[in-house]
């Protein structure tokens, strides 16, 4: 599990922010559906897609990330 805040720059066009938000929601829904279906092959595949897509959007929008990743082991 990762916890961090993505800050949009003021000059990021609204349309680009919306594309990121829609793609982010779509892949997270796909992950949740795979978990609900107990599909052990789809879950990691979809998580990999999300973890590779998100940084591309962040880079394209010239966003910043605040905070540091927090691992599951730190929460327990």
C-alpha atoms as a PDB file:
ATOM      1  CA  UNK A   1       0.000   0.000   0.000  1.00  0.00           C
ATOM      2  CA  UNK A   2       1.318   3.428  -0.874  1.00  0.00           C
ATOM      3  CA  UNK A   3       0.186   6.682   0.666  1.00  0.00           C
ATOM      4  CA  UNK A   4       1.209   9.961  -0.898  1.00  0.00           C
ATOM      5  CA  UNK A   5      -0.368  13.121  -2.186  1.00  0.00           C
ATOM      6  CA  UNK A   6      -0.097  14.173  -5.800  1.00  0.00           C
ATOM      7  CA  UNK A   7      -0.162  17.921  -6.219  1.00  0.00           C
ATOM      8  CA  UNK A   8      -1.249  19.294  -9.587  1.00  0.00           C
ATOM      9  CA  UNK A   9       0.602  22.316 -10.893  1.00  0.00           C
ATOM     10  CA  UNK A  10      -1.512  25.378 -11.539  1.00  0.00           C
ATOM     11  CA  UNK A  11      -0.770  25.243 -15.263  1.00  0.00           C
ATOM     12  CA  UNK A  12      -2.002  21.670 -15.756  1.00  0.00           C
ATOM     13  CA  UNK A  13      -4.996  21.864 -18.111  1.00  0.00           C
ATOM     14  CA  UNK A  14      -8.298  20.704 -16.648  1.00  0.00           C
ATOM     15  CA  UNK A  15      -8.728  18.208 -19.503  1.00  0.00           C
ATOM     16  CA  UNK A  16      -5.416  16.524 -18.626  1.00  0.00           C
ATOM     17  CA  UNK A  17      -6.365  16.320 -14.955  1.00  0.00           C
ATOM     18  CA  UNK A  18      -9.671  14.727 -15.960  1.00  0.00           C
ATOM     19  CA  UNK A  19      -7.928  12.168 -18.213  1.00  0.00           C
ATOM     20  CA  UNK A  20      -5.669  11.178 -15.321  1.00  0.00           C
ATOM     21  CA  UNK A  21      -8.585  10.948 -12.884  1.00  0.00           C
ATOM     22  CA  UNK A  22     -10.674   8.833 -15.264  1.00  0.00           C
ATOM     23  CA  UNK A  23      -7.801   6.470 -16.062  1.00  0.00           C
ATOM     24  CA  UNK A  24      -6.971   6.183 -12.368  1.00  0.00           C
ATOM     25  CA  UNK A  25     -10.575   5.388 -11.426  1.00  0.00           C
ATOM     26  CA  UNK A  26     -10.906   2.886 -14.288  1.00  0.00           C
ATOM     27  CA  UNK A  27      -7.820   0.853 -13.336  1.00  0.00           C
ATOM     28  CA  UNK A  28      -8.669   0.883  -9.628  1.00  0.00           C
ATOM     29  CA  UNK A  29     -12.158  -0.433 -10.412  1.00  0.00           C
ATOM     30  CA  UNK A  30     -10.555  -3.169 -12.507  1.00  0.00           C
ATOM     31  CA  UNK A  31      -8.281  -4.088  -9.589  1.00  0.00           C
ATOM     32  CA  UNK A  32     -11.218  -4.189  -7.168  1.00  0.00           C
ATOM     33  CA  UNK A  33     -13.268  -6.345  -9.549  1.00  0.00           C
ATOM     34  CA  UNK A  34     -10.390  -8.803  -9.924  1.00  0.00           C
ATOM     35  CA  UNK A  35     -10.029  -8.999  -6.129  1.00  0.00           C
ATOM     36  CA  UNK A  36     -13.762  -9.632  -5.727  1.00  0.00           C
ATOM     37  CA  UNK A  37     -13.551 -12.383  -8.337  1.00  0.00           C
ATOM     38  CA  UNK A  38     -10.566 -13.910  -6.476  1.00  0.00           C
ATOM     39  CA  UNK A  39      -8.662 -13.841  -9.766  1.00  0.00           C
ATOM     40  CA  UNK A  40      -5.070 -14.304  -8.635  1.00  0.00           C
ATOM     41  CA  UNK A  41      -3.710 -13.715 -12.134  1.00  0.00           C
ATOM     42  CA  UNK A  42      -5.583 -10.508 -12.951  1.00  0.00           C
ATOM     43  CA  UNK A  43      -4.938  -8.704  -9.656  1.00  0.00           C
ATOM     44  CA  UNK A  44      -1.147  -8.369  -9.970  1.00  0.00           C
ATOM     45  CA  UNK A  45      -1.380  -7.713 -13.715  1.00  0.00           C
ATOM     46  CA  UNK A  46      -3.799  -4.842 -13.170  1.00  0.00           C
ATOM     47  CA  UNK A  47      -1.751  -3.466 -10.298  1.00  0.00           C
ATOM     48  CA  UNK A  48       1.318  -3.411 -12.535  1.00  0.00           C
ATOM     49  CA  UNK A  49      -0.667  -1.486 -15.147  1.00  0.00           C
ATOM     50  CA  UNK A  50      -1.682   1.069 -12.518  1.00  0.00           C
ATOM     51  CA  UNK A  51       1.837   1.446 -11.134  1.00  0.00           C
ATOM     52  CA  UNK A  52       3.257   2.064 -14.619  1.00  0.00           C
ATOM     53  CA  UNK A  53       0.449   4.331 -15.884  1.00  0.00           C
ATOM     54  CA  UNK A  54       0.247   6.696 -12.921  1.00  0.00           C
ATOM     55  CA  UNK A  55       3.853   7.980 -13.032  1.00  0.00           C
ATOM     56  CA  UNK A  56       3.481   8.698 -16.752  1.00  0.00           C
ATOM     57  CA  UNK A  57       0.489  10.927 -16.071  1.00  0.00           C
ATOM     58  CA  UNK A  58       2.250  12.608 -13.160  1.00  0.00           C
ATOM     59  CA  UNK A  59       5.310  13.326 -15.302  1.00  0.00           C
ATOM     60  CA  UNK A  60       3.236  14.623 -18.214  1.00  0.00           C
ATOM     61  CA  UNK A  61       1.318  16.968 -15.922  1.00  0.00           C
ATOM     62  CA  UNK A  62       4.508  18.169 -14.222  1.00  0.00           C
ATOM     63  CA  UNK A  63       3.075  17.299 -10.841  1.00  0.00           C
ATOM     64  CA  UNK A  64       4.866  16.864  -7.596  1.00  0.00           C
ATOM     65  CA  UNK A  65       4.555  14.125  -5.042  1.00  0.00           C
ATOM     66  CA  UNK A  66       4.513  15.029  -1.392  1.00  0.00           C
ATOM     67  CA  UNK A  67       5.210  12.508   1.287  1.00  0.00           C
ATOM     68  CA  UNK A  68       6.949   9.197   1.171  1.00  0.00           C
ATOM     69  CA  UNK A  69       5.648   5.728   0.415  1.00  0.00           C
ATOM     70  CA  UNK A  70       4.471   3.830   3.483  1.00  0.00           C
ATOM     71  CA  UNK A  71       4.855   0.077   3.327  1.00  0.00           C
ATOM     72  CA  UNK A  72       2.398  -2.439   4.746  1.00  0.00           C
ATOM     73  CA  UNK A  73       5.130  -3.603   7.112  1.00  0.00           C
ATOM     74  CA  UNK A  74       5.232  -0.129   8.682  1.00  0.00           C
ATOM     75  CA  UNK A  75       1.495  -0.179   9.394  1.00  0.00           C
ATOM     76  CA  UNK A  76       1.390  -3.518  11.205  1.00  0.00           C
END
